[in-house]
């Protein structure tokens, strides 16, 4: 399970044998959220969030949504690199708020 980003304690990753639609998994403590990226012509035009288990704290969910709004194209690019081009992904750790 490659970790793409760590943002203020939220771990954002792919599972190694994923499927479309393009999505990531965000984990904070024991809570997980599946974030689906809807793409048209290589642009993310919509994002959806679905609990995968546990309850994400509201403050962390806001931070996750802020992160995804800023990094959605980078997340799409990471997916394409990892699954389409078999390029290994290095974890990027972000320790300051992005907004």
N, C-alpha and C. Protein backbone atom coordinates (compact mmCIF):
# COMPACT_ATOMS: atom_id res chain seq x y z
N UNK A 1 0.85 -1.17 0.00
CA UNK A 1 0.00 0.00 0.00
C UNK A 1 0.90 1.23 0.00
N UNK A 2 1.15 1.80 -1.17
CA UNK A 2 2.02 2.98 -1.21
C UNK A 2 1.36 4.21 -0.57
N UNK A 3 2.08 4.83 0.33
CA UNK A 3 1.63 6.08 0.94
C UNK A 3 2.10 7.21 0.04
N UNK A 4 1.16 8.04 -0.39
CA UNK A 4 1.48 9.13 -1.30
C UNK A 4 1.84 10.38 -0.51
N UNK A 5 0.97 10.72 0.45
CA UNK A 5 1.15 11.91 1.28
C UNK A 5 0.85 11.58 2.73
N UNK A 6 1.49 12.33 3.59
CA UNK A 6 1.09 12.44 4.99
C UNK A 6 0.85 13.92 5.21
N UNK A 7 -0.36 14.25 5.63
CA UNK A 7 -0.73 15.65 5.82
C UNK A 7 -1.33 15.83 7.20
N UNK A 8 -0.57 16.46 8.08
CA UNK A 8 -1.03 16.77 9.44
C UNK A 8 -1.60 15.53 10.13
N UNK A 9 -0.93 14.41 9.96
CA UNK A 9 -1.34 13.16 10.61
C UNK A 9 -2.29 12.31 9.79
N UNK A 10 -2.77 12.83 8.67
CA UNK A 10 -3.65 12.06 7.79
C UNK A 10 -2.76 11.33 6.78
N UNK A 11 -2.91 10.02 6.70
CA UNK A 11 -2.12 9.21 5.78
C UNK A 11 -2.96 8.96 4.53
N UNK A 12 -2.42 9.33 3.37
CA UNK A 12 -3.13 9.24 2.10
C UNK A 12 -2.40 8.23 1.23
N UNK A 13 -3.14 7.18 0.81
CA UNK A 13 -2.47 6.09 0.10
C UNK A 13 -3.37 5.48 -0.97
N UNK A 14 -2.72 4.64 -1.80
CA UNK A 14 -3.41 3.75 -2.72
C UNK A 14 -3.28 2.35 -2.13
N UNK A 15 -4.17 1.48 -2.48
CA UNK A 15 -3.93 0.07 -2.22
C UNK A 15 -3.24 -0.46 -3.45
N UNK A 16 -2.37 -1.42 -3.29
CA UNK A 16 -1.49 -1.81 -4.40
C UNK A 16 -2.20 -2.44 -5.59
N UNK A 17 -3.33 -3.06 -5.40
CA UNK A 17 -4.05 -3.63 -6.55
C UNK A 17 -5.40 -2.95 -6.66
N UNK A 18 -5.38 -1.69 -7.05
CA UNK A 18 -6.59 -0.88 -7.11
C UNK A 18 -7.33 -1.06 -8.42
N UNK A 19 -8.44 -0.42 -8.51
CA UNK A 19 -9.32 -0.49 -9.66
C UNK A 19 -9.91 0.91 -9.87
N UNK A 20 -10.47 1.12 -11.02
CA UNK A 20 -11.15 2.39 -11.26
C UNK A 20 -12.54 2.31 -10.66
N UNK A 21 -13.19 3.38 -10.31
CA UNK A 21 -12.77 4.76 -10.56
C UNK A 21 -11.55 5.14 -9.72
N UNK A 22 -10.88 6.17 -10.16
CA UNK A 22 -9.67 6.63 -9.49
C UNK A 22 -10.04 7.09 -8.09
N UNK A 23 -9.32 6.57 -7.11
CA UNK A 23 -9.61 6.93 -5.72
C UNK A 23 -8.38 6.73 -4.84
N UNK A 24 -8.44 7.36 -3.69
CA UNK A 24 -7.39 7.22 -2.68
C UNK A 24 -8.06 6.82 -1.37
N UNK A 25 -7.24 6.40 -0.43
CA UNK A 25 -7.72 6.08 0.91
C UNK A 25 -7.02 7.02 1.88
N UNK A 26 -7.79 7.66 2.73
CA UNK A 26 -7.24 8.55 3.75
C UNK A 26 -7.50 7.91 5.11
N UNK A 27 -6.46 7.87 5.95
CA UNK A 27 -6.58 7.25 7.26
C UNK A 27 -6.11 8.22 8.33
N UNK A 28 -6.86 8.29 9.39
CA UNK A 28 -6.46 9.05 10.57
C UNK A 28 -6.83 8.20 11.78
N UNK A 29 -5.83 7.76 12.53
CA UNK A 29 -6.01 6.80 13.61
C UNK A 29 -6.73 5.56 13.04
N UNK A 30 -7.89 5.21 13.57
CA UNK A 30 -8.61 4.02 13.09
C UNK A 30 -9.69 4.34 12.07
N UNK A 31 -9.84 5.59 11.69
CA UNK A 31 -10.88 5.98 10.74
C UNK A 31 -10.31 6.06 9.33
N UNK A 32 -11.11 5.62 8.36
CA UNK A 32 -10.68 5.71 6.96
C UNK A 32 -11.80 6.28 6.10
N UNK A 33 -11.38 6.99 5.07
CA UNK A 33 -12.31 7.59 4.10
C UNK A 33 -11.79 7.25 2.70
N UNK A 34 -12.71 6.84 1.84
CA UNK A 34 -12.38 6.63 0.44
C UNK A 34 -12.74 7.91 -0.31
N UNK A 35 -11.76 8.45 -1.04
CA UNK A 35 -11.94 9.70 -1.78
C UNK A 35 -11.87 9.36 -3.27
N UNK A 36 -12.99 9.54 -3.96
CA UNK A 36 -13.05 9.22 -5.38
C UNK A 36 -12.88 10.50 -6.20
N UNK A 37 -12.01 10.42 -7.21
CA UNK A 37 -11.75 11.55 -8.11
C UNK A 37 -12.44 11.27 -9.44
N UNK A 38 -13.35 12.15 -9.83
CA UNK A 38 -14.02 12.02 -11.11
C UNK A 38 -13.26 12.86 -12.13
N UNK A 39 -12.85 12.22 -13.22
CA UNK A 39 -11.92 12.83 -14.17
C UNK A 39 -12.54 12.86 -15.56
N UNK A 40 -12.33 13.98 -16.23
CA UNK A 40 -12.70 14.12 -17.63
C UNK A 40 -11.59 14.89 -18.32
N UNK A 41 -11.06 14.31 -19.40
CA UNK A 41 -9.98 14.94 -20.15
C UNK A 41 -8.81 15.33 -19.25
N UNK A 42 -8.40 14.41 -18.39
CA UNK A 42 -7.26 14.59 -17.47
C UNK A 42 -7.44 15.72 -16.46
N UNK A 43 -8.66 16.09 -16.17
CA UNK A 43 -8.95 17.11 -15.15
C UNK A 43 -9.92 16.52 -14.14
N UNK A 44 -9.63 16.74 -12.87
CA UNK A 44 -10.56 16.32 -11.82
C UNK A 44 -11.66 17.36 -11.75
N UNK A 45 -12.89 16.94 -12.01
CA UNK A 45 -14.00 17.90 -12.00
C UNK A 45 -14.93 17.73 -10.80
N UNK A 46 -14.79 16.59 -10.08
CA UNK A 46 -15.62 16.39 -8.90
C UNK A 46 -14.92 15.39 -7.99
N UNK A 47 -15.19 15.51 -6.70
CA UNK A 47 -14.60 14.63 -5.70
C UNK A 47 -15.71 14.18 -4.76
N UNK A 48 -15.70 12.90 -4.39
CA UNK A 48 -16.66 12.42 -3.39
C UNK A 48 -15.91 11.74 -2.25
N UNK A 49 -16.52 11.76 -1.09
CA UNK A 49 -15.94 11.21 0.14
C UNK A 49 -16.91 10.20 0.73
N UNK A 50 -16.39 9.01 1.07
CA UNK A 50 -17.23 7.98 1.67
C UNK A 50 -16.47 7.32 2.81
N UNK A 51 -17.10 7.24 3.96
CA UNK A 51 -16.47 6.59 5.11
C UNK A 51 -16.18 5.14 4.77
N UNK A 52 -14.99 4.69 5.13
CA UNK A 52 -14.57 3.31 4.92
C UNK A 52 -14.50 2.56 6.26
N UNK A 53 -14.76 3.27 7.33
CA UNK A 53 -14.70 2.65 8.65
C UNK A 53 -14.28 3.66 9.70
N UNK A 54 -14.89 3.58 10.86
CA UNK A 54 -14.59 4.53 11.92
C UNK A 54 -15.15 5.90 11.59
N UNK A 55 -14.96 6.83 12.50
CA UNK A 55 -15.46 8.20 12.30
C UNK A 55 -14.28 9.16 12.23
N UNK A 56 -14.12 9.77 11.08
CA UNK A 56 -13.08 10.78 10.90
C UNK A 56 -13.48 11.99 11.73
N UNK A 57 -12.58 12.52 12.57
CA UNK A 57 -12.92 13.74 13.31
C UNK A 57 -13.24 14.88 12.34
N UNK A 58 -14.21 15.70 12.70
CA UNK A 58 -14.64 16.78 11.80
C UNK A 58 -13.49 17.69 11.38
N UNK A 59 -12.63 18.06 12.32
CA UNK A 59 -11.50 18.94 11.99
C UNK A 59 -10.57 18.28 10.97
N UNK A 60 -10.33 16.99 11.12
CA UNK A 60 -9.46 16.27 10.18
C UNK A 60 -10.14 16.12 8.82
N UNK A 61 -11.46 15.95 8.82
CA UNK A 61 -12.17 15.87 7.54
C UNK A 61 -12.07 17.19 6.79
N UNK A 62 -12.19 18.30 7.51
CA UNK A 62 -12.01 19.61 6.86
C UNK A 62 -10.61 19.73 6.27
N UNK A 63 -9.61 19.31 7.05
CA UNK A 63 -8.23 19.36 6.55
C UNK A 63 -8.06 18.47 5.33
N UNK A 64 -8.65 17.29 5.35
CA UNK A 64 -8.56 16.39 4.20
C UNK A 64 -9.19 17.03 2.97
N UNK A 65 -10.36 17.62 3.13
CA UNK A 65 -11.04 18.25 1.99
C UNK A 65 -10.24 19.43 1.45
N UNK A 66 -9.63 20.22 2.34
CA UNK A 66 -8.76 21.32 1.89
C UNK A 66 -7.58 20.77 1.11
N UNK A 67 -6.97 19.71 1.65
CA UNK A 67 -5.82 19.10 1.00
C UNK A 67 -6.20 18.62 -0.41
N UNK A 68 -7.29 17.87 -0.50
CA UNK A 68 -7.70 17.32 -1.80
C UNK A 68 -8.04 18.43 -2.78
N UNK A 69 -8.66 19.51 -2.31
CA UNK A 69 -9.01 20.61 -3.22
C UNK A 69 -7.76 21.23 -3.84
N UNK A 70 -6.68 21.27 -3.09
CA UNK A 70 -5.42 21.84 -3.60
C UNK A 70 -4.61 20.80 -4.39
N UNK A 71 -4.62 19.54 -3.95
CA UNK A 71 -3.74 18.52 -4.52
C UNK A 71 -4.44 17.52 -5.44
N UNK A 72 -5.67 17.78 -5.83
CA UNK A 72 -6.41 16.78 -6.60
C UNK A 72 -5.72 16.41 -7.91
N UNK A 73 -5.14 17.38 -8.62
CA UNK A 73 -4.44 17.04 -9.86
C UNK A 73 -3.16 16.26 -9.58
N UNK A 74 -2.49 16.58 -8.49
CA UNK A 74 -1.29 15.83 -8.11
C UNK A 74 -1.65 14.40 -7.73
N UNK A 75 -2.80 14.21 -7.10
CA UNK A 75 -3.27 12.86 -6.77
C UNK A 75 -3.57 12.07 -8.03
N UNK A 76 -4.21 12.71 -8.99
CA UNK A 76 -4.48 12.07 -10.28
C UNK A 76 -3.17 11.68 -10.96
N UNK A 77 -2.22 12.58 -10.97
CA UNK A 77 -0.92 12.31 -11.58
C UNK A 77 -0.23 11.13 -10.89
N UNK A 78 -0.27 11.08 -9.57
CA UNK A 78 0.35 9.98 -8.82
C UNK A 78 -0.31 8.66 -9.19
N UNK A 79 -1.64 8.66 -9.30
CA UNK A 79 -2.36 7.44 -9.71
C UNK A 79 -1.87 6.98 -11.09
N UNK A 80 -1.82 7.92 -12.03
CA UNK A 80 -1.39 7.58 -13.38
C UNK A 80 0.04 7.06 -13.40
N UNK A 81 0.91 7.68 -12.64
CA UNK A 81 2.30 7.23 -12.59
C UNK A 81 2.40 5.83 -12.00
N UNK A 82 1.70 5.60 -10.90
CA UNK A 82 1.81 4.32 -10.21
C UNK A 82 1.13 3.18 -10.98
N UNK A 83 -0.11 3.39 -11.40
CA UNK A 83 -0.86 2.30 -12.02
C UNK A 83 -0.65 2.17 -13.52
N UNK A 84 -0.52 3.27 -14.22
CA UNK A 84 -0.36 3.22 -15.67
C UNK A 84 1.10 3.03 -16.08
N UNK A 85 2.02 3.69 -15.37
CA UNK A 85 3.43 3.68 -15.76
C UNK A 85 4.32 2.86 -14.84
N UNK A 86 3.76 2.26 -13.79
CA UNK A 86 4.50 1.46 -12.81
C UNK A 86 5.70 2.19 -12.21
N UNK A 87 5.52 3.47 -11.95
CA UNK A 87 6.56 4.28 -11.30
C UNK A 87 6.31 4.25 -9.80
N UNK A 88 7.36 3.97 -9.03
CA UNK A 88 7.23 3.96 -7.57
C UNK A 88 6.98 5.38 -7.06
N UNK A 89 6.15 5.49 -6.05
CA UNK A 89 5.77 6.79 -5.49
C UNK A 89 6.52 6.99 -4.18
N UNK A 90 7.11 8.16 -4.01
CA UNK A 90 7.75 8.52 -2.74
C UNK A 90 6.77 9.31 -1.91
N UNK A 91 6.75 9.03 -0.63
CA UNK A 91 5.85 9.73 0.28
C UNK A 91 6.30 11.17 0.47
N UNK A 92 5.34 12.08 0.37
CA UNK A 92 5.60 13.49 0.65
C UNK A 92 4.92 13.81 1.97
N UNK A 93 5.69 14.30 2.92
CA UNK A 93 5.16 14.62 4.24
C UNK A 93 4.98 16.14 4.35
N UNK A 94 3.77 16.57 4.66
CA UNK A 94 3.46 17.98 4.80
C UNK A 94 3.04 18.23 6.24
N UNK A 95 3.77 19.09 6.92
CA UNK A 95 3.54 19.30 8.35
C UNK A 95 2.92 20.66 8.68
N UNK A 96 2.69 21.48 7.65
CA UNK A 96 2.06 22.78 7.87
C UNK A 96 0.75 22.84 7.11
N UNK A 97 -0.22 23.58 7.64
CA UNK A 97 -1.50 23.74 6.95
C UNK A 97 -1.25 24.38 5.58
N UNK A 98 -2.00 23.94 4.60
CA UNK A 98 -1.81 24.47 3.25
C UNK A 98 -2.62 25.73 3.01
N UNK A 99 -3.56 26.04 3.89
CA UNK A 99 -4.36 27.27 3.75
C UNK A 99 -4.34 28.03 5.03
